[in-house]
Amino acid sequence: MEEADLDAKALEIATRLADGAPHAIRWTKYALNNWLRAAGPIFDTSLALEFLGFSSPDVNEGLASHREKRKPQFSPESPL
């Protein structure tokens, strides 16, 4: 889908939802919000650990080994 078509498509979907069965929409929204509340902390932790990993010495070793066409030698020590 082209970016220019995005607003029109969003409005089309919002209109279809507004014209839909209110109970089904509310129940679906309720279920999805419960999932988001449960998964939110998991996502936050995952994202934080990814960023920590990007700043670890493993990144430099991984890049160096790739450039030098050799097997990486990662330290077995880990902060976790």
N, C-alpha and C. Protein backbone atom coordinates (compact mmCIF):
# COMPACT_ATOMS: atom_id res chain seq x y z
N MET A 1 0.85 -1.17 0.00
CA MET A 1 0.00 0.00 0.00
C MET A 1 0.90 1.24 0.00
N GLU A 2 0.53 2.21 -0.79
CA GLU A 2 1.28 3.46 -0.87
C GLU A 2 0.98 4.33 0.36
N GLU A 3 1.95 5.12 0.76
CA GLU A 3 1.77 5.97 1.93
C GLU A 3 0.61 6.95 1.74
N ALA A 4 0.43 7.43 0.52
CA ALA A 4 -0.65 8.37 0.23
C ALA A 4 -2.02 7.75 0.46
N ASP A 5 -2.14 6.44 0.34
CA ASP A 5 -3.42 5.75 0.52
C ASP A 5 -3.71 5.38 1.97
N LEU A 6 -2.74 5.61 2.85
CA LEU A 6 -2.85 5.14 4.23
C LEU A 6 -4.00 5.81 4.98
N ASP A 7 -4.13 7.13 4.89
CA ASP A 7 -5.21 7.82 5.61
C ASP A 7 -6.58 7.35 5.16
N ALA A 8 -6.76 7.20 3.86
CA ALA A 8 -8.05 6.75 3.34
C ALA A 8 -8.37 5.34 3.82
N LYS A 9 -7.37 4.46 3.82
CA LYS A 9 -7.58 3.08 4.27
C LYS A 9 -7.91 3.05 5.76
N ALA A 10 -7.19 3.85 6.56
CA ALA A 10 -7.46 3.91 8.00
C ALA A 10 -8.88 4.40 8.26
N LEU A 11 -9.31 5.41 7.53
CA LEU A 11 -10.68 5.92 7.69
C LEU A 11 -11.70 4.87 7.28
N GLU A 12 -11.41 4.14 6.22
CA GLU A 12 -12.32 3.07 5.78
C GLU A 12 -12.47 2.00 6.87
N ILE A 13 -11.36 1.58 7.46
CA ILE A 13 -11.40 0.55 8.50
C ILE A 13 -12.11 1.08 9.74
N ALA A 14 -11.81 2.32 10.13
CA ALA A 14 -12.46 2.91 11.31
C ALA A 14 -13.97 3.01 11.10
N THR A 15 -14.40 3.37 9.91
CA THR A 15 -15.83 3.46 9.61
C THR A 15 -16.49 2.09 9.68
N ARG A 16 -15.85 1.08 9.12
CA ARG A 16 -16.40 -0.29 9.19
C ARG A 16 -16.52 -0.74 10.64
N LEU A 17 -15.51 -0.44 11.45
CA LEU A 17 -15.58 -0.82 12.87
C LEU A 17 -16.70 -0.07 13.57
N ALA A 18 -16.85 1.23 13.30
CA ALA A 18 -17.90 2.02 13.94
C ALA A 18 -19.29 1.52 13.57
N ASP A 19 -19.42 0.96 12.38
CA ASP A 19 -20.71 0.42 11.94
C ASP A 19 -20.91 -1.04 12.35
N GLY A 20 -19.91 -1.63 13.00
CA GLY A 20 -19.97 -3.05 13.37
C GLY A 20 -20.74 -3.30 14.64
N ALA A 21 -20.78 -4.56 15.04
CA ALA A 21 -21.49 -4.98 16.26
C ALA A 21 -20.77 -4.44 17.49
N PRO A 22 -21.40 -3.55 18.25
CA PRO A 22 -20.72 -2.91 19.38
C PRO A 22 -20.22 -3.89 20.44
N HIS A 23 -21.01 -4.93 20.74
CA HIS A 23 -20.56 -5.89 21.75
C HIS A 23 -19.29 -6.60 21.32
N ALA A 24 -19.27 -7.07 20.09
CA ALA A 24 -18.09 -7.80 19.61
C ALA A 24 -16.86 -6.89 19.60
N ILE A 25 -17.04 -5.64 19.19
CA ILE A 25 -15.91 -4.71 19.15
C ILE A 25 -15.41 -4.43 20.56
N ARG A 26 -16.32 -4.19 21.49
CA ARG A 26 -15.91 -3.92 22.88
C ARG A 26 -15.21 -5.12 23.50
N TRP A 27 -15.73 -6.32 23.26
CA TRP A 27 -15.11 -7.51 23.83
C TRP A 27 -13.74 -7.75 23.23
N THR A 28 -13.61 -7.51 21.92
CA THR A 28 -12.30 -7.67 21.28
C THR A 28 -11.32 -6.65 21.84
N LYS A 29 -11.76 -5.41 21.99
CA LYS A 29 -10.90 -4.37 22.55
C LYS A 29 -10.50 -4.74 23.98
N TYR A 30 -11.44 -5.22 24.77
CA TYR A 30 -11.15 -5.62 26.14
C TYR A 30 -10.09 -6.73 26.18
N ALA A 31 -10.27 -7.73 25.32
CA ALA A 31 -9.32 -8.85 25.27
C ALA A 31 -7.94 -8.37 24.83
N LEU A 32 -7.88 -7.54 23.80
CA LEU A 32 -6.59 -7.04 23.33
C LEU A 32 -5.90 -6.16 24.37
N ASN A 33 -6.68 -5.34 25.07
CA ASN A 33 -6.07 -4.51 26.12
C ASN A 33 -5.51 -5.35 27.25
N ASN A 34 -6.19 -6.43 27.59
CA ASN A 34 -5.64 -7.33 28.63
C ASN A 34 -4.33 -7.95 28.17
N TRP A 35 -4.28 -8.35 26.91
CA TRP A 35 -3.04 -8.91 26.38
C TRP A 35 -1.93 -7.87 26.42
N LEU A 36 -2.24 -6.64 26.02
CA LEU A 36 -1.22 -5.59 26.04
C LEU A 36 -0.72 -5.31 27.46
N ARG A 37 -1.63 -5.30 28.42
CA ARG A 37 -1.20 -5.07 29.81
C ARG A 37 -0.29 -6.19 30.30
N ALA A 38 -0.59 -7.41 29.89
CA ALA A 38 0.22 -8.55 30.32
C ALA A 38 1.56 -8.58 29.59
N ALA A 39 1.56 -8.25 28.30
CA ALA A 39 2.78 -8.38 27.49
C ALA A 39 3.67 -7.14 27.58
N GLY A 40 3.13 -6.02 28.01
CA GLY A 40 3.91 -4.78 28.06
C GLY A 40 5.22 -4.91 28.81
N PRO A 41 5.21 -5.41 30.05
CA PRO A 41 6.47 -5.55 30.78
C PRO A 41 7.46 -6.50 30.11
N ILE A 42 6.95 -7.54 29.46
CA ILE A 42 7.83 -8.47 28.74
C ILE A 42 8.52 -7.75 27.59
N PHE A 43 7.75 -6.96 26.85
CA PHE A 43 8.33 -6.22 25.74
C PHE A 43 9.36 -5.21 26.23
N ASP A 44 9.04 -4.49 27.31
CA ASP A 44 9.97 -3.50 27.85
C ASP A 44 11.29 -4.14 28.25
N THR A 45 11.22 -5.28 28.91
CA THR A 45 12.44 -5.99 29.32
C THR A 45 13.22 -6.46 28.10
N SER A 46 12.52 -7.00 27.13
CA SER A 46 13.17 -7.48 25.92
C SER A 46 13.90 -6.35 25.21
N LEU A 47 13.25 -5.22 25.07
CA LEU A 47 13.86 -4.08 24.39
C LEU A 47 15.08 -3.57 25.15
N ALA A 48 14.96 -3.49 26.47
CA ALA A 48 16.10 -3.02 27.28
C ALA A 48 17.29 -3.96 27.14
N LEU A 49 17.04 -5.26 27.18
CA LEU A 49 18.14 -6.22 27.05
C LEU A 49 18.76 -6.18 25.66
N GLU A 50 17.95 -5.95 24.63
CA GLU A 50 18.50 -5.81 23.28
C GLU A 50 19.47 -4.63 23.23
N PHE A 51 19.06 -3.50 23.82
CA PHE A 51 19.94 -2.32 23.80
C PHE A 51 21.21 -2.56 24.61
N LEU A 52 21.10 -3.26 25.72
CA LEU A 52 22.31 -3.61 26.48
C LEU A 52 23.23 -4.48 25.64
N GLY A 53 22.64 -5.42 24.92
CA GLY A 53 23.43 -6.29 24.05
C GLY A 53 24.16 -5.52 22.96
N PHE A 54 23.52 -4.48 22.43
CA PHE A 54 24.14 -3.68 21.37
C PHE A 54 25.37 -2.94 21.87
N SER A 55 25.44 -2.69 23.19
CA SER A 55 26.58 -1.94 23.73
C SER A 55 27.59 -2.87 24.41
N SER A 56 27.44 -4.17 24.25
CA SER A 56 28.35 -5.11 24.90
C SER A 56 29.61 -5.32 24.06
N PRO A 57 30.66 -5.84 24.67
CA PRO A 57 31.88 -6.15 23.91
C PRO A 57 31.65 -7.21 22.83
N ASP A 58 30.59 -7.99 22.95
CA ASP A 58 30.30 -9.01 21.94
C ASP A 58 30.08 -8.39 20.55
N VAL A 59 29.54 -7.17 20.53
CA VAL A 59 29.29 -6.52 19.25
C VAL A 59 30.61 -6.29 18.51
N ASN A 60 31.59 -5.72 19.22
CA ASN A 60 32.88 -5.46 18.59
C ASN A 60 33.55 -6.76 18.13
N GLU A 61 33.48 -7.78 18.96
CA GLU A 61 34.10 -9.06 18.60
C GLU A 61 33.37 -9.69 17.41
N GLY A 62 32.05 -9.60 17.41
CA GLY A 62 31.28 -10.15 16.30
C GLY A 62 31.62 -9.46 14.98
N LEU A 63 31.68 -8.14 15.02
CA LEU A 63 32.03 -7.40 13.80
C LEU A 63 33.47 -7.69 13.36
N ALA A 64 34.40 -7.71 14.32
CA ALA A 64 35.80 -7.97 13.98
C ALA A 64 35.95 -9.36 13.37
N SER A 65 35.31 -10.35 13.95
CA SER A 65 35.43 -11.71 13.42
C SER A 65 34.83 -11.82 12.02
N HIS A 66 33.75 -11.08 11.80
CA HIS A 66 33.14 -11.09 10.47
C HIS A 66 34.08 -10.45 9.44
N ARG A 67 34.64 -9.31 9.82
CA ARG A 67 35.55 -8.62 8.90
C ARG A 67 36.81 -9.43 8.62
N GLU A 68 37.28 -10.13 9.66
CA GLU A 68 38.51 -10.91 9.54
C GLU A 68 38.25 -12.34 9.07
N LYS A 69 36.98 -12.65 8.81
CA LYS A 69 36.57 -13.98 8.32
C LYS A 69 37.10 -15.10 9.23
N ARG A 70 36.81 -14.94 10.51
CA ARG A 70 37.22 -15.95 11.49
C ARG A 70 36.06 -16.21 12.44
N LYS A 71 36.20 -17.28 13.20
CA LYS A 71 35.18 -17.60 14.20
C LYS A 71 35.32 -16.62 15.36
N PRO A 72 34.20 -16.07 15.85
CA PRO A 72 34.29 -15.13 16.97
C PRO A 72 34.72 -15.83 18.26
N GLN A 73 35.39 -15.09 19.11
CA GLN A 73 35.81 -15.62 20.41
C GLN A 73 35.16 -14.75 21.49
N PHE A 74 33.94 -15.11 21.82
CA PHE A 74 33.19 -14.37 22.82
C PHE A 74 33.61 -14.77 24.23
N SER A 75 33.60 -13.81 25.13
CA SER A 75 33.90 -14.09 26.53
C SER A 75 32.74 -14.85 27.15
N PRO A 76 33.03 -15.86 27.97
CA PRO A 76 31.93 -16.60 28.61
C PRO A 76 31.28 -15.81 29.74
N GLU A 77 31.86 -14.71 30.15
CA GLU A 77 31.31 -13.89 31.22
C GLU A 77 30.12 -13.09 30.70
N SER A 78 29.09 -13.00 31.51
CA SER A 78 27.90 -12.26 31.13
C SER A 78 27.33 -11.59 32.37
N PRO A 79 26.81 -10.35 32.23
CA PRO A 79 26.26 -9.67 33.40
C PRO A 79 24.97 -10.29 33.92
N LEU A 80 24.37 -11.19 33.16
CA LEU A 80 23.13 -11.84 33.63
C LEU A 80 23.41 -13.24 34.09
